[in-house]
N, C-alpha and C. Protein backbone atom coordinates (compact mmCIF):
# COMPACT_ATOMS: atom_id res chain seq x y z
N MET A 1 18.63 2.05 -22.34
CA MET A 1 18.59 3.45 -22.75
C MET A 1 17.25 3.73 -23.44
N ASN A 2 16.56 4.77 -22.99
CA ASN A 2 15.26 5.13 -23.56
C ASN A 2 15.44 6.10 -24.72
N ALA A 3 14.63 5.92 -25.74
CA ALA A 3 14.65 6.84 -26.87
C ALA A 3 13.93 8.12 -26.46
N PRO A 4 14.41 9.29 -26.90
CA PRO A 4 13.74 10.54 -26.55
C PRO A 4 12.38 10.65 -27.24
N ALA A 5 11.46 11.33 -26.60
CA ALA A 5 10.15 11.57 -27.20
C ALA A 5 10.33 12.42 -28.45
N CYS A 6 9.54 12.17 -29.46
CA CYS A 6 9.73 12.88 -30.73
C CYS A 6 9.43 14.37 -30.62
N ASN A 7 8.62 14.78 -29.67
CA ASN A 7 8.30 16.20 -29.51
C ASN A 7 9.02 16.83 -28.33
N GLU A 8 10.01 16.14 -27.82
CA GLU A 8 10.76 16.66 -26.68
C GLU A 8 11.49 17.94 -27.08
N GLY A 9 11.36 18.95 -26.27
CA GLY A 9 12.05 20.20 -26.53
C GLY A 9 11.31 21.14 -27.46
N ILE A 10 10.16 20.76 -27.96
CA ILE A 10 9.37 21.64 -28.83
C ILE A 10 8.33 22.34 -27.95
N ALA A 11 8.33 23.65 -28.00
CA ALA A 11 7.39 24.43 -27.20
C ALA A 11 5.95 24.09 -27.58
N THR A 12 5.09 24.08 -26.59
CA THR A 12 3.67 23.76 -26.81
C THR A 12 3.04 24.70 -27.83
N TRP A 13 3.35 26.00 -27.73
CA TRP A 13 2.75 26.95 -28.66
C TRP A 13 3.16 26.65 -30.10
N LEU A 14 4.38 26.13 -30.28
CA LEU A 14 4.86 25.80 -31.61
C LEU A 14 4.14 24.56 -32.15
N LEU A 15 3.91 23.60 -31.29
CA LEU A 15 3.12 22.43 -31.71
C LEU A 15 1.70 22.83 -32.07
N ILE A 16 1.13 23.74 -31.29
CA ILE A 16 -0.23 24.23 -31.59
C ILE A 16 -0.25 24.92 -32.95
N LEU A 17 0.76 25.75 -33.23
CA LEU A 17 0.88 26.41 -34.53
C LEU A 17 0.94 25.38 -35.65
N GLY A 18 1.78 24.36 -35.48
CA GLY A 18 1.92 23.32 -36.49
C GLY A 18 0.62 22.56 -36.72
N PHE A 19 -0.04 22.18 -35.64
CA PHE A 19 -1.32 21.48 -35.78
C PHE A 19 -2.39 22.37 -36.38
N ALA A 20 -2.42 23.64 -36.00
CA ALA A 20 -3.39 24.58 -36.57
C ALA A 20 -3.17 24.71 -38.08
N GLY A 21 -1.92 24.85 -38.46
CA GLY A 21 -1.60 24.94 -39.89
C GLY A 21 -2.04 23.69 -40.64
N GLN A 22 -1.79 22.55 -40.05
CA GLN A 22 -2.17 21.28 -40.69
C GLN A 22 -3.69 21.17 -40.81
N CYS A 23 -4.41 21.62 -39.77
CA CYS A 23 -5.88 21.59 -39.81
C CYS A 23 -6.42 22.52 -40.89
N VAL A 24 -5.89 23.74 -40.93
CA VAL A 24 -6.32 24.69 -41.97
C VAL A 24 -6.02 24.11 -43.34
N PHE A 25 -4.81 23.62 -43.52
CA PHE A 25 -4.39 23.06 -44.79
C PHE A 25 -5.28 21.87 -45.18
N GLY A 26 -5.62 21.03 -44.22
CA GLY A 26 -6.45 19.85 -44.50
C GLY A 26 -7.88 20.19 -44.88
N THR A 27 -8.40 21.31 -44.40
CA THR A 27 -9.79 21.67 -44.72
C THR A 27 -9.97 22.00 -46.20
N ARG A 28 -8.89 22.32 -46.87
CA ARG A 28 -9.01 22.64 -48.30
C ARG A 28 -9.55 21.44 -49.09
N PHE A 29 -9.18 20.24 -48.66
CA PHE A 29 -9.68 19.05 -49.34
C PHE A 29 -11.16 18.84 -49.09
N LEU A 30 -11.61 19.16 -47.88
CA LEU A 30 -13.04 19.06 -47.58
C LEU A 30 -13.83 20.07 -48.41
N ILE A 31 -13.30 21.29 -48.52
CA ILE A 31 -13.94 22.33 -49.34
C ILE A 31 -14.04 21.87 -50.79
N GLN A 32 -12.94 21.35 -51.32
CA GLN A 32 -12.94 20.89 -52.71
C GLN A 32 -13.93 19.76 -52.91
N TRP A 33 -13.99 18.84 -51.96
CA TRP A 33 -14.91 17.70 -52.05
C TRP A 33 -16.36 18.18 -52.05
N VAL A 34 -16.70 19.07 -51.12
CA VAL A 34 -18.08 19.58 -51.02
C VAL A 34 -18.47 20.30 -52.30
N PHE A 35 -17.61 21.18 -52.80
CA PHE A 35 -17.92 21.91 -54.03
C PHE A 35 -18.06 20.96 -55.21
N SER A 36 -17.24 19.94 -55.29
CA SER A 36 -17.33 18.97 -56.36
C SER A 36 -18.64 18.19 -56.28
N GLU A 37 -19.04 17.82 -55.08
CA GLU A 37 -20.31 17.11 -54.90
C GLU A 37 -21.48 17.99 -55.32
N ILE A 38 -21.44 19.25 -54.97
CA ILE A 38 -22.51 20.18 -55.34
C ILE A 38 -22.60 20.32 -56.86
N LYS A 39 -21.45 20.43 -57.52
CA LYS A 39 -21.42 20.59 -58.98
C LYS A 39 -21.60 19.27 -59.73
N GLY A 40 -21.37 18.16 -59.04
CA GLY A 40 -21.49 16.86 -59.68
C GLY A 40 -20.31 16.52 -60.58
N GLU A 41 -19.20 17.24 -60.41
CA GLU A 41 -17.98 16.99 -61.16
C GLU A 41 -16.81 17.54 -60.37
N SER A 42 -15.61 17.13 -60.72
CA SER A 42 -14.43 17.63 -60.03
C SER A 42 -14.31 19.13 -60.24
N HIS A 43 -14.16 19.86 -59.14
CA HIS A 43 -14.13 21.32 -59.21
C HIS A 43 -13.23 21.84 -58.10
N ILE A 44 -12.38 22.80 -58.42
CA ILE A 44 -11.53 23.43 -57.42
C ILE A 44 -11.99 24.89 -57.27
N PRO A 45 -12.67 25.20 -56.16
CA PRO A 45 -13.15 26.56 -55.97
C PRO A 45 -12.01 27.50 -55.55
N VAL A 46 -12.23 28.80 -55.70
CA VAL A 46 -11.22 29.79 -55.32
C VAL A 46 -10.91 29.67 -53.83
N ALA A 47 -11.89 29.31 -53.02
CA ALA A 47 -11.68 29.14 -51.58
C ALA A 47 -10.57 28.12 -51.31
N PHE A 48 -10.45 27.11 -52.15
CA PHE A 48 -9.41 26.10 -52.02
C PHE A 48 -8.03 26.75 -52.00
N TRP A 49 -7.82 27.71 -52.91
CA TRP A 49 -6.51 28.35 -53.02
C TRP A 49 -6.24 29.29 -51.86
N TYR A 50 -7.28 29.99 -51.39
CA TYR A 50 -7.10 30.86 -50.22
C TYR A 50 -6.78 30.04 -48.97
N ILE A 51 -7.48 28.95 -48.78
CA ILE A 51 -7.21 28.08 -47.63
C ILE A 51 -5.83 27.46 -47.77
N SER A 52 -5.46 27.08 -48.99
CA SER A 52 -4.12 26.51 -49.22
C SER A 52 -3.03 27.49 -48.83
N ILE A 53 -3.18 28.74 -49.23
CA ILE A 53 -2.14 29.73 -48.93
C ILE A 53 -2.09 30.03 -47.44
N CYS A 54 -3.24 30.10 -46.78
CA CYS A 54 -3.25 30.33 -45.32
C CYS A 54 -2.59 29.17 -44.59
N GLY A 55 -3.00 27.96 -44.91
CA GLY A 55 -2.40 26.78 -44.29
C GLY A 55 -0.92 26.67 -44.62
N GLY A 56 -0.57 27.00 -45.86
CA GLY A 56 0.83 26.96 -46.28
C GLY A 56 1.69 27.94 -45.50
N PHE A 57 1.16 29.14 -45.25
CA PHE A 57 1.92 30.12 -44.46
C PHE A 57 2.08 29.66 -43.01
N PHE A 58 1.02 29.09 -42.44
CA PHE A 58 1.14 28.53 -41.09
C PHE A 58 2.24 27.48 -41.05
N MET A 59 2.19 26.55 -42.02
CA MET A 59 3.16 25.46 -42.05
C MET A 59 4.58 25.97 -42.35
N LEU A 60 4.69 26.98 -43.22
CA LEU A 60 6.00 27.56 -43.52
C LEU A 60 6.57 28.24 -42.27
N THR A 61 5.74 28.96 -41.56
CA THR A 61 6.18 29.59 -40.31
C THR A 61 6.67 28.54 -39.33
N TYR A 62 5.90 27.48 -39.19
CA TYR A 62 6.28 26.37 -38.31
C TYR A 62 7.63 25.80 -38.73
N ALA A 63 7.80 25.56 -40.03
CA ALA A 63 9.05 24.99 -40.54
C ALA A 63 10.23 25.91 -40.30
N ILE A 64 10.03 27.20 -40.50
CA ILE A 64 11.11 28.17 -40.27
C ILE A 64 11.50 28.18 -38.80
N LEU A 65 10.50 28.21 -37.93
CA LEU A 65 10.79 28.23 -36.49
C LEU A 65 11.46 26.94 -36.04
N ARG A 66 11.15 25.83 -36.71
CA ARG A 66 11.79 24.54 -36.40
C ARG A 66 13.15 24.41 -37.09
N LYS A 67 13.45 25.33 -38.00
CA LYS A 67 14.71 25.33 -38.76
C LYS A 67 14.89 24.03 -39.54
N ASP A 68 13.80 23.65 -40.23
CA ASP A 68 13.78 22.40 -41.00
C ASP A 68 13.87 22.75 -42.49
N PRO A 69 15.07 22.66 -43.09
CA PRO A 69 15.24 23.09 -44.48
C PRO A 69 14.41 22.30 -45.49
N VAL A 70 14.18 21.04 -45.24
CA VAL A 70 13.37 20.23 -46.17
C VAL A 70 11.93 20.73 -46.17
N PHE A 71 11.40 20.92 -44.99
CA PHE A 71 10.02 21.38 -44.82
C PHE A 71 9.88 22.82 -45.33
N ILE A 72 10.88 23.67 -45.08
CA ILE A 72 10.86 25.06 -45.55
C ILE A 72 10.79 25.09 -47.07
N LEU A 73 11.63 24.30 -47.74
CA LEU A 73 11.63 24.27 -49.20
C LEU A 73 10.28 23.80 -49.74
N GLY A 74 9.76 22.72 -49.18
CA GLY A 74 8.48 22.18 -49.64
C GLY A 74 7.33 23.17 -49.47
N GLN A 75 7.25 23.79 -48.30
CA GLN A 75 6.16 24.73 -48.06
C GLN A 75 6.33 26.01 -48.86
N SER A 76 7.57 26.45 -49.07
CA SER A 76 7.82 27.64 -49.88
C SER A 76 7.32 27.44 -51.30
N MET A 77 7.61 26.30 -51.87
CA MET A 77 7.16 26.01 -53.24
C MET A 77 5.64 25.99 -53.32
N GLY A 78 5.01 25.41 -52.31
CA GLY A 78 3.55 25.37 -52.28
C GLY A 78 2.95 26.76 -52.23
N VAL A 79 3.47 27.61 -51.35
CA VAL A 79 2.96 28.97 -51.21
C VAL A 79 3.11 29.73 -52.53
N ILE A 80 4.20 29.51 -53.24
CA ILE A 80 4.40 30.16 -54.54
C ILE A 80 3.33 29.70 -55.53
N VAL A 81 3.07 28.41 -55.58
CA VAL A 81 2.07 27.87 -56.51
C VAL A 81 0.68 28.38 -56.16
N TYR A 82 0.32 28.38 -54.88
CA TYR A 82 -1.01 28.85 -54.48
C TYR A 82 -1.17 30.33 -54.82
N SER A 83 -0.12 31.11 -54.58
CA SER A 83 -0.17 32.54 -54.90
C SER A 83 -0.35 32.75 -56.39
N ARG A 84 0.40 32.00 -57.17
CA ARG A 84 0.31 32.15 -58.63
C ARG A 84 -1.07 31.78 -59.13
N ASN A 85 -1.67 30.73 -58.59
CA ASN A 85 -3.02 30.36 -59.00
C ASN A 85 -4.01 31.47 -58.69
N LEU A 86 -3.89 32.10 -57.53
CA LEU A 86 -4.79 33.21 -57.19
C LEU A 86 -4.57 34.41 -58.12
N ILE A 87 -3.32 34.68 -58.47
CA ILE A 87 -3.04 35.76 -59.42
C ILE A 87 -3.71 35.48 -60.76
N LEU A 88 -3.56 34.26 -61.24
CA LEU A 88 -4.16 33.89 -62.53
C LEU A 88 -5.69 33.97 -62.49
N ILE A 89 -6.28 33.52 -61.40
CA ILE A 89 -7.75 33.56 -61.25
C ILE A 89 -8.23 35.01 -61.26
N HIS A 90 -7.58 35.86 -60.49
CA HIS A 90 -8.02 37.26 -60.41
C HIS A 90 -7.73 38.02 -61.70
N ARG A 91 -6.66 37.68 -62.39
CA ARG A 91 -6.37 38.30 -63.69
C ARG A 91 -7.46 37.94 -64.69
N LYS A 92 -7.87 36.68 -64.70
CA LYS A 92 -8.94 36.24 -65.63
C LYS A 92 -10.26 36.93 -65.30
N ARG A 93 -10.57 37.03 -64.02
CA ARG A 93 -11.82 37.70 -63.62
C ARG A 93 -11.82 39.17 -64.02
N ARG A 94 -10.69 39.83 -63.81
CA ARG A 94 -10.56 41.25 -64.16
C ARG A 94 -10.71 41.41 -65.67
N SER A 95 -10.10 40.51 -66.42
CA SER A 95 -10.18 40.56 -67.88
C SER A 95 -11.61 40.35 -68.35
N THR A 96 -12.29 39.41 -67.72
CA THR A 96 -13.68 39.10 -68.08
C THR A 96 -14.59 40.30 -67.78
N LEU A 97 -14.37 40.96 -66.66
CA LEU A 97 -15.17 42.12 -66.30
C LEU A 97 -14.95 43.29 -67.26
N GLN A 98 -13.72 43.43 -67.75
CA GLN A 98 -13.41 44.53 -68.65
C GLN A 98 -14.00 44.32 -70.04
N THR A 99 -14.20 43.08 -70.45
CA THR A 99 -14.72 42.80 -71.79
C THR A 99 -16.25 42.76 -71.82
N THR A 100 -16.88 42.80 -70.67
CA THR A 100 -18.36 42.75 -70.68
C THR A 100 -18.98 44.10 -70.54
């Protein structure tokens, strides 16, 4: 008896969506690394959070379409954290602009 292929029954477009999300999500680490090298210290640029939320939404969409509750929960929490970080960053910038 042969074991079924792990991607059997998954539409090609859905696999492409999942891989695209993973690629977008993975680039955030490259962005963070490059910015840290430029600054000469560990640094998380705002672009990191935007890329995180974009990749997170891709991955969340993939998880929802796959009906994977574990993956849905994990990606949902990530998207909430990335969104909150962007809110905090923009709130601080707005506050800084108002005081100058």
